[in-house]
Amino acid sequence: MAGNRMRTRSFRALVALMLLVVAAPLLAQQPPPGYYQPPPPQYQPPPPQYQQPPPQYQQPPPQYQQPPPQYQQPPPQYQQQPPPQYQQPPPQQYPPPAAPPEYYQPPPPPAGSQPPPAYIQSTYSQPQNGFRYHALRLELAGGYTLTEGDLKNVLHDGGNAGLGLIWMPSSSFPLGLRLEGSYSDFSHTLNYLSQEAAATGYNLSSGYTALYGGNVDAELDLPMLGNRVREYLFGGVGWYRQQTNLKAVSNQQGLVCYYYCVQVTFPVYSTVSRVTGDWQKSWNAGIGFDFAMADPASFFIEARYMRITQDQGGAQTVFVPIRVGIRF
């Protein structure tokens, strides 16, 4: 029994020794757990060696040096010639010109005669830009009329319009005839309306006076500032007639209907008096300025003093029309 036990122990010891011998290399390659294991080294092959010496191609350059060709020639010899002599012959002597022909001289004026007036050289005979002569010219005008004197108590200032014809018989003498028709309109003052209402018994609301007629004037043109502007004076006689209209207002009742009818009061204006006077004589005088435009048109502005004489000792009608217009 004791011998079997010994053999068994010996066998076990032998097996353990063999296992230890076999496991010893494996245990040596693996580190114990818990320790850092470095990565296995990667195999890096060395780079190939391609360094070869460069080829030797250095050869001496070819010898092509040749002497340059000899082209040097002497410059040509140009003989300088003297410049040509341009001697001009002396100018020919012509005979002196003959005396100019004698022009016709008008005979001197007889003794005791007077020289012609300066206004004979009128602007009408000048061909430059500006006024040119036209025997007949038409004018259209309009403007504002100022009442003067006692007429201011009856009439307010008003407006006017006119149409005229100008006749210049000669281009050498700037004096002509002027025919003109005129119309003026004036409204009545409140003082005059109240006096007429008391005299007639009407409830006058408004009134106006129309004045119409014509003039026959002489016109004298005077040049100034060259041929573009001229001044003119005029004056003469005329005949005028006036018409006075008075209007009254009255209240009348009527119906106004839309959805239903309402009775309202309307003011109604009516002419209660219209008086036309006789033709009365007048006289006027004025001054104006005419500005040339494209021929034959011109622009003018003028003012005149006008007085109408009333018959049978009536009041004088005095007013001043101021007009602007165009002539052509």
Protein backbone atom coordinates (compact mmCIF):
# COMPACT_ATOMS: atom_id res chain seq x y z
CA MET A 1 0.00 0.00 0.00
CA ALA A 2 2.74 2.30 0.94
CA GLY A 3 4.50 1.51 -2.34
CA ASN A 4 1.42 2.29 -4.40
CA ARG A 5 1.00 5.62 -2.70
CA MET A 6 4.58 6.52 -3.43
CA ARG A 7 4.20 5.63 -7.07
CA THR A 8 1.00 7.61 -7.31
CA ARG A 9 2.63 10.68 -5.82
CA SER A 10 5.63 10.32 -8.06
CA PHE A 11 3.38 10.11 -11.11
CA ARG A 12 1.46 13.17 -10.07
CA ALA A 13 4.64 15.07 -9.46
CA LEU A 14 5.93 14.05 -12.88
CA VAL A 15 2.73 15.16 -14.64
CA ALA A 16 2.79 18.52 -12.80
CA LEU A 17 6.38 19.03 -13.80
CA MET A 18 5.59 18.36 -17.44
CA LEU A 19 2.65 20.76 -17.40
CA LEU A 20 4.84 23.43 -15.88
CA VAL A 21 7.46 22.90 -18.54
CA VAL A 22 4.83 23.19 -21.29
CA ALA A 23 3.03 26.23 -19.80
CA ALA A 24 6.16 28.16 -18.86
CA PRO A 25 6.77 29.67 -22.36
CA LEU A 26 3.10 30.66 -22.72
CA LEU A 27 3.06 32.37 -19.36
CA ALA A 28 6.25 34.21 -20.23
CA GLN A 29 4.71 35.76 -23.45
CA GLN A 30 1.44 37.06 -21.83
CA PRO A 31 1.77 39.72 -19.12
CA PRO A 32 -0.31 39.36 -16.07
CA PRO A 33 -3.78 40.93 -16.20
CA GLY A 34 -3.96 44.60 -15.13
CA TYR A 35 -0.68 45.64 -16.81
CA TYR A 36 -0.37 47.77 -20.05
CA GLN A 37 0.68 45.78 -23.05
CA PRO A 38 2.44 47.79 -25.74
CA PRO A 39 1.19 47.21 -29.28
CA PRO A 40 3.16 44.83 -31.34
CA PRO A 41 5.73 46.62 -33.47
CA GLN A 42 4.70 47.19 -37.13
CA TYR A 43 7.05 46.13 -39.72
CA GLN A 44 8.35 49.02 -41.75
CA PRO A 45 10.48 48.00 -44.61
CA PRO A 46 13.33 50.36 -45.38
CA PRO A 47 12.80 52.68 -48.39
CA PRO A 48 14.37 51.54 -51.59
CA GLN A 49 17.69 53.06 -52.44
CA TYR A 50 17.45 54.64 -55.91
CA GLN A 51 20.22 57.15 -55.56
CA GLN A 52 22.29 56.75 -58.63
CA PRO A 53 24.91 59.13 -59.80
CA PRO A 54 23.69 61.45 -62.65
CA PRO A 55 24.94 60.60 -66.08
CA GLN A 56 27.95 62.47 -67.28
CA TYR A 57 26.93 64.34 -70.47
CA GLN A 58 29.22 67.30 -70.16
CA GLN A 59 30.78 67.76 -73.52
CA PRO A 60 32.71 70.74 -74.68
CA PRO A 61 30.63 73.18 -76.86
CA PRO A 62 31.40 73.20 -80.56
CA GLN A 63 33.76 75.84 -81.80
CA TYR A 64 31.85 77.95 -84.37
CA GLN A 65 33.54 81.26 -83.79
CA GLN A 66 34.21 82.83 -87.15
CA PRO A 67 35.35 86.35 -87.77
CA PRO A 68 32.48 88.73 -88.77
CA PRO A 69 32.36 89.75 -92.42
CA GLN A 70 33.93 93.03 -93.34
CA TYR A 71 31.20 95.24 -94.89
CA GLN A 72 32.59 98.60 -94.02
CA GLN A 73 32.47 100.81 -97.08
CA PRO A 74 33.33 104.43 -97.23
CA PRO A 75 30.24 106.77 -97.28
CA PRO A 76 29.40 108.29 -100.67
CA GLN A 77 30.66 111.75 -101.30
CA TYR A 78 27.79 114.12 -102.15
CA GLN A 79 29.01 117.32 -103.50
CA GLN A 80 27.01 120.22 -102.09
CA GLN A 81 25.71 122.52 -104.77
CA PRO A 82 25.00 126.16 -104.10
CA PRO A 83 21.28 127.07 -103.76
CA PRO A 84 19.64 128.46 -106.92
CA GLN A 85 19.40 132.17 -107.21
CA TYR A 86 15.75 133.24 -107.60
CA GLN A 87 16.21 136.77 -108.59
CA GLN A 88 12.85 138.39 -109.39
CA PRO A 89 12.76 141.03 -112.01
CA PRO A 90 11.80 144.48 -110.80
CA PRO A 91 8.04 145.25 -110.96
CA GLN A 92 6.84 146.94 -114.05
CA GLN A 93 5.92 150.52 -113.64
CA TYR A 94 2.31 151.04 -114.62
CA PRO A 95 0.88 154.46 -115.34
CA PRO A 96 -1.04 156.04 -112.42
CA PRO A 97 -4.79 155.28 -112.33
CA ALA A 98 -7.05 157.76 -113.87
CA ALA A 99 -9.14 160.02 -111.69
CA PRO A 100 -12.49 158.50 -110.57
CA PRO A 101 -15.47 159.58 -112.56
CA GLU A 102 -17.34 162.49 -111.21
CA TYR A 103 -20.72 161.52 -109.80
CA TYR A 104 -23.78 163.57 -110.30
CA GLN A 105 -24.16 166.12 -107.59
CA PRO A 106 -27.68 167.36 -106.98
CA PRO A 107 -28.06 171.07 -107.43
CA PRO A 108 -27.99 173.11 -104.24
CA PRO A 109 -31.34 174.22 -102.84
CA PRO A 110 -32.43 177.68 -103.86
CA ALA A 111 -31.66 180.56 -101.56
CA GLY A 112 -34.19 181.11 -98.83
CA SER A 113 -35.50 177.52 -98.83
CA GLN A 114 -35.65 175.46 -95.63
CA PRO A 115 -34.15 171.96 -95.24
CA PRO A 116 -36.59 169.04 -95.11
CA PRO A 117 -37.78 168.13 -91.58
CA ALA A 118 -36.03 165.32 -89.73
CA TYR A 119 -39.16 163.21 -89.36
CA ILE A 120 -39.24 162.52 -93.12
CA GLN A 121 -36.89 159.58 -92.49
CA SER A 122 -39.59 157.60 -90.77
CA THR A 123 -39.17 154.20 -89.21
CA TYR A 124 -41.62 152.83 -91.77
CA SER A 125 -39.02 153.12 -94.56
CA GLN A 126 -36.32 151.18 -92.69
CA PRO A 127 -35.93 147.55 -93.83
CA GLN A 128 -34.25 146.32 -90.65
CA ASN A 129 -35.93 144.05 -88.13
CA GLY A 130 -38.63 146.00 -86.36
CA PHE A 131 -41.43 148.18 -87.60
CA ARG A 132 -42.12 148.18 -91.32
CA TYR A 133 -44.53 150.29 -93.24
CA HIS A 134 -48.09 149.03 -93.59
CA ALA A 135 -50.78 151.37 -94.82
CA LEU A 136 -53.60 149.65 -92.91
CA ARG A 137 -53.37 147.96 -89.53
CA LEU A 138 -56.00 146.38 -87.29
CA GLU A 139 -55.91 146.53 -83.50
CA LEU A 140 -57.66 144.61 -80.70
CA ALA A 141 -57.49 145.94 -77.15
CA GLY A 142 -59.00 145.65 -73.70
CA GLY A 143 -58.30 146.89 -70.21
CA TYR A 144 -59.41 148.73 -67.10
CA THR A 145 -61.30 152.03 -66.86
CA LEU A 146 -60.85 154.52 -64.01
CA THR A 147 -63.74 156.83 -63.15
CA GLU A 148 -62.85 160.43 -62.26
CA GLY A 149 -64.50 163.38 -60.55
CA ASP A 150 -68.17 163.23 -59.58
CA LEU A 151 -68.58 160.03 -61.53
CA LYS A 152 -66.94 158.13 -58.65
CA ASN A 153 -70.05 158.76 -56.51
CA VAL A 154 -72.25 157.02 -59.07
CA LEU A 155 -70.13 154.34 -60.76
CA HIS A 156 -67.34 152.02 -59.73
CA ASP A 157 -64.31 151.42 -61.94
CA GLY A 158 -65.02 149.04 -64.80
CA GLY A 159 -63.65 147.23 -67.80
CA ASN A 160 -63.46 148.07 -71.49
CA ALA A 161 -62.82 146.50 -74.89
CA GLY A 162 -62.07 148.06 -78.26
CA LEU A 163 -61.56 147.38 -81.96
CA GLY A 164 -59.77 149.82 -84.23
CA LEU A 165 -58.37 150.46 -87.70
CA ILE A 166 -55.27 152.60 -88.37
CA TRP A 167 -54.51 154.15 -91.76
CA MET A 168 -51.08 155.58 -92.50
CA PRO A 169 -51.28 157.16 -95.97
CA SER A 170 -47.52 157.79 -96.38
CA SER A 171 -44.35 155.95 -95.36
CA SER A 172 -42.35 159.17 -95.15
CA PHE A 173 -44.66 161.03 -92.79
CA PRO A 174 -45.77 159.12 -89.61
CA LEU A 175 -49.18 160.78 -89.26
CA GLY A 176 -52.33 158.76 -89.78
CA LEU A 177 -56.00 158.37 -89.03
CA ARG A 178 -57.42 156.07 -86.40
CA LEU A 179 -61.03 154.81 -86.25
CA GLU A 180 -62.04 152.97 -83.10
CA GLY A 181 -65.11 151.43 -81.51
CA SER A 182 -65.30 151.00 -77.73
CA TYR A 183 -67.49 149.40 -75.07
CA SER A 184 -67.26 149.96 -71.30
CA ASP A 185 -69.23 148.59 -68.36
CA PHE A 186 -69.54 150.10 -64.83
CA SER A 187 -71.42 148.91 -61.73
CA HIS A 188 -73.37 151.34 -59.53
CA THR A 189 -72.33 152.35 -56.04
CA LEU A 190 -74.48 151.58 -52.99
CA ASN A 191 -75.01 155.31 -52.39
CA TYR A 192 -76.53 155.74 -55.83
CA LEU A 193 -78.70 152.61 -55.44
CA SER A 194 -80.11 153.83 -52.12
CA GLN A 195 -81.00 157.22 -53.67
CA GLU A 196 -82.72 155.56 -56.61
CA ALA A 197 -84.57 153.13 -54.33
CA ALA A 198 -85.93 156.05 -52.29
CA ALA A 199 -87.01 157.83 -55.49
CA THR A 200 -88.61 154.84 -57.23
CA GLY A 201 -89.87 152.79 -54.26
CA TYR A 202 -88.21 149.60 -55.45
CA ASN A 203 -85.97 147.39 -53.38
CA LEU A 204 -82.95 147.86 -55.67
CA SER A 205 -80.22 145.24 -55.37
CA SER A 206 -77.82 146.12 -58.18
CA GLY A 207 -77.34 148.17 -61.30
CA TYR A 208 -74.85 148.87 -64.06
CA THR A 209 -74.22 151.41 -66.82
CA ALA A 210 -73.03 150.41 -70.28
CA LEU A 211 -71.17 152.99 -72.36
CA TYR A 212 -70.57 152.37 -76.07
CA GLY A 213 -69.54 154.47 -79.02
CA GLY A 214 -66.62 155.36 -81.26
CA ASN A 215 -63.72 157.79 -81.80
CA VAL A 216 -62.07 159.42 -84.78
CA ASP A 217 -58.48 160.28 -83.79
CA ALA A 218 -55.28 161.47 -85.40
CA GLU A 219 -52.14 159.50 -84.48
CA LEU A 220 -48.52 160.66 -84.68
CA ASP A 221 -45.78 158.00 -84.35
CA LEU A 222 -42.41 158.96 -82.83
CA PRO A 223 -39.50 156.49 -83.02
CA MET A 224 -37.54 155.76 -79.86
CA LEU A 225 -34.96 153.14 -78.81
CA GLY A 226 -34.05 152.30 -82.39
CA ASN A 227 -36.57 150.63 -84.63
CA ARG A 228 -38.07 148.23 -82.05
CA VAL A 229 -40.04 150.64 -79.84
CA ARG A 230 -41.95 153.77 -80.69
CA GLU A 231 -44.11 156.25 -78.88
CA TYR A 232 -47.31 157.61 -80.33
CA LEU A 233 -49.64 160.49 -79.49
CA PHE A 234 -53.30 160.52 -80.43
CA GLY A 235 -56.43 162.56 -79.89
CA GLY A 236 -59.77 163.42 -81.46
CA VAL A 237 -63.53 163.43 -81.07
CA GLY A 238 -66.21 160.81 -80.65
CA TRP A 239 -69.84 160.01 -80.01
CA TYR A 240 -71.04 157.86 -77.13
CA ARG A 241 -74.27 156.60 -75.72
CA GLN A 242 -74.97 155.20 -72.29
CA GLN A 243 -77.60 152.81 -70.94
CA THR A 244 -78.48 152.51 -67.26
CA ASN A 245 -80.03 149.33 -65.86
CA LEU A 246 -81.46 148.95 -62.35
CA LYS A 247 -82.41 145.59 -60.85
CA ALA A 248 -84.71 144.93 -57.88
CA VAL A 249 -85.06 141.87 -55.73
CA SER A 250 -88.37 140.41 -54.53
CA ASN A 251 -89.12 137.38 -52.36
CA GLN A 252 -91.41 134.75 -53.81
CA GLN A 253 -92.60 131.56 -52.17
CA GLY A 254 -92.49 128.13 -53.74
CA LEU A 255 -92.30 124.41 -53.01
CA VAL A 256 -89.21 122.25 -52.95
CA CYS A 257 -89.97 118.54 -53.13
CA TYR A 258 -87.63 115.60 -52.59
CA TYR A 259 -89.20 112.96 -50.37
CA TYR A 260 -91.79 115.47 -49.25
CA CYS A 261 -92.47 119.06 -50.20
CA VAL A 262 -91.32 122.11 -48.22
CA GLN A 263 -92.41 125.69 -48.80
CA VAL A 264 -89.41 128.07 -49.11
CA THR A 265 -88.82 131.69 -50.12
CA PHE A 266 -86.76 132.48 -53.27
CA PRO A 267 -85.12 135.81 -54.11
CA VAL A 268 -86.06 136.85 -57.64
CA TYR A 269 -84.09 139.54 -59.49
CA SER A 270 -85.76 141.59 -62.18
CA THR A 271 -84.94 144.69 -64.19
CA VAL A 272 -87.19 147.50 -63.02
CA SER A 273 -85.58 150.36 -64.94
CA ARG A 274 -83.67 150.61 -68.22
CA VAL A 275 -82.86 154.07 -69.51
CA THR A 276 -80.94 154.63 -72.75
CA GLY A 277 -79.61 158.13 -73.31
CA ASP A 278 -78.99 160.06 -76.50
CA TRP A 279 -75.74 160.16 -78.42
CA GLN A 280 -73.37 162.59 -76.78
CA LYS A 281 -70.22 164.20 -78.12
CA SER A 282 -66.88 163.44 -76.54
CA TRP A 283 -63.23 164.28 -76.94
CA ASN A 284 -60.10 162.39 -75.88
CA ALA A 285 -56.32 162.63 -75.87
CA GLY A 286 -53.76 160.01 -74.95
CA ILE A 287 -50.30 158.52 -75.24
CA GLY A 288 -49.12 155.00 -76.00
CA PHE A 289 -46.07 152.80 -76.59
CA ASP A 290 -45.81 150.25 -79.35
CA PHE A 291 -43.35 147.28 -79.23
CA ALA A 292 -42.44 145.46 -82.44
CA MET A 293 -42.87 141.69 -82.68
CA ALA A 294 -42.84 139.44 -85.72
CA ASP A 295 -43.83 141.62 -88.64
CA PRO A 296 -46.53 142.93 -88.94
CA ALA A 297 -47.61 142.25 -85.33
CA SER A 298 -46.82 144.58 -82.43
CA PHE A 299 -47.84 144.86 -78.80
CA PHE A 300 -49.03 148.20 -77.39
CA ILE A 301 -50.14 149.80 -74.16
CA GLU A 302 -51.90 153.16 -73.97
CA ALA A 303 -53.90 155.46 -71.70
CA ARG A 304 -56.22 158.32 -72.58
CA TYR A 305 -58.26 161.03 -70.90
CA MET A 306 -61.88 161.00 -72.09
CA ARG A 307 -64.72 163.39 -71.40
CA ILE A 308 -68.36 163.06 -72.51
CA THR A 309 -70.34 166.31 -72.60
CA GLN A 310 -73.90 166.06 -71.33
CA ASP A 311 -76.57 168.26 -72.91
CA GLN A 312 -78.86 170.58 -70.97
CA GLY A 313 -76.32 171.27 -68.28
CA GLY A 314 -75.88 167.68 -67.13
CA ALA A 315 -72.88 166.36 -65.22
CA GLN A 316 -69.66 165.65 -67.12
CA THR A 317 -68.70 162.01 -67.57
CA VAL A 318 -64.93 161.73 -67.14
CA PHE A 319 -62.95 158.52 -67.13
CA VAL A 320 -59.49 157.19 -68.06
CA PRO A 321 -59.35 153.93 -70.06
CA ILE A 322 -56.06 152.01 -69.83
CA ARG A 323 -55.67 149.40 -72.53
CA VAL A 324 -53.26 146.76 -73.78
CA GLY A 325 -53.60 145.06 -77.11
CA ILE A 326 -52.07 143.85 -80.32
CA ARG A 327 -51.81 145.37 -83.79
CA PHE A 328 -51.34 143.49 -87.02
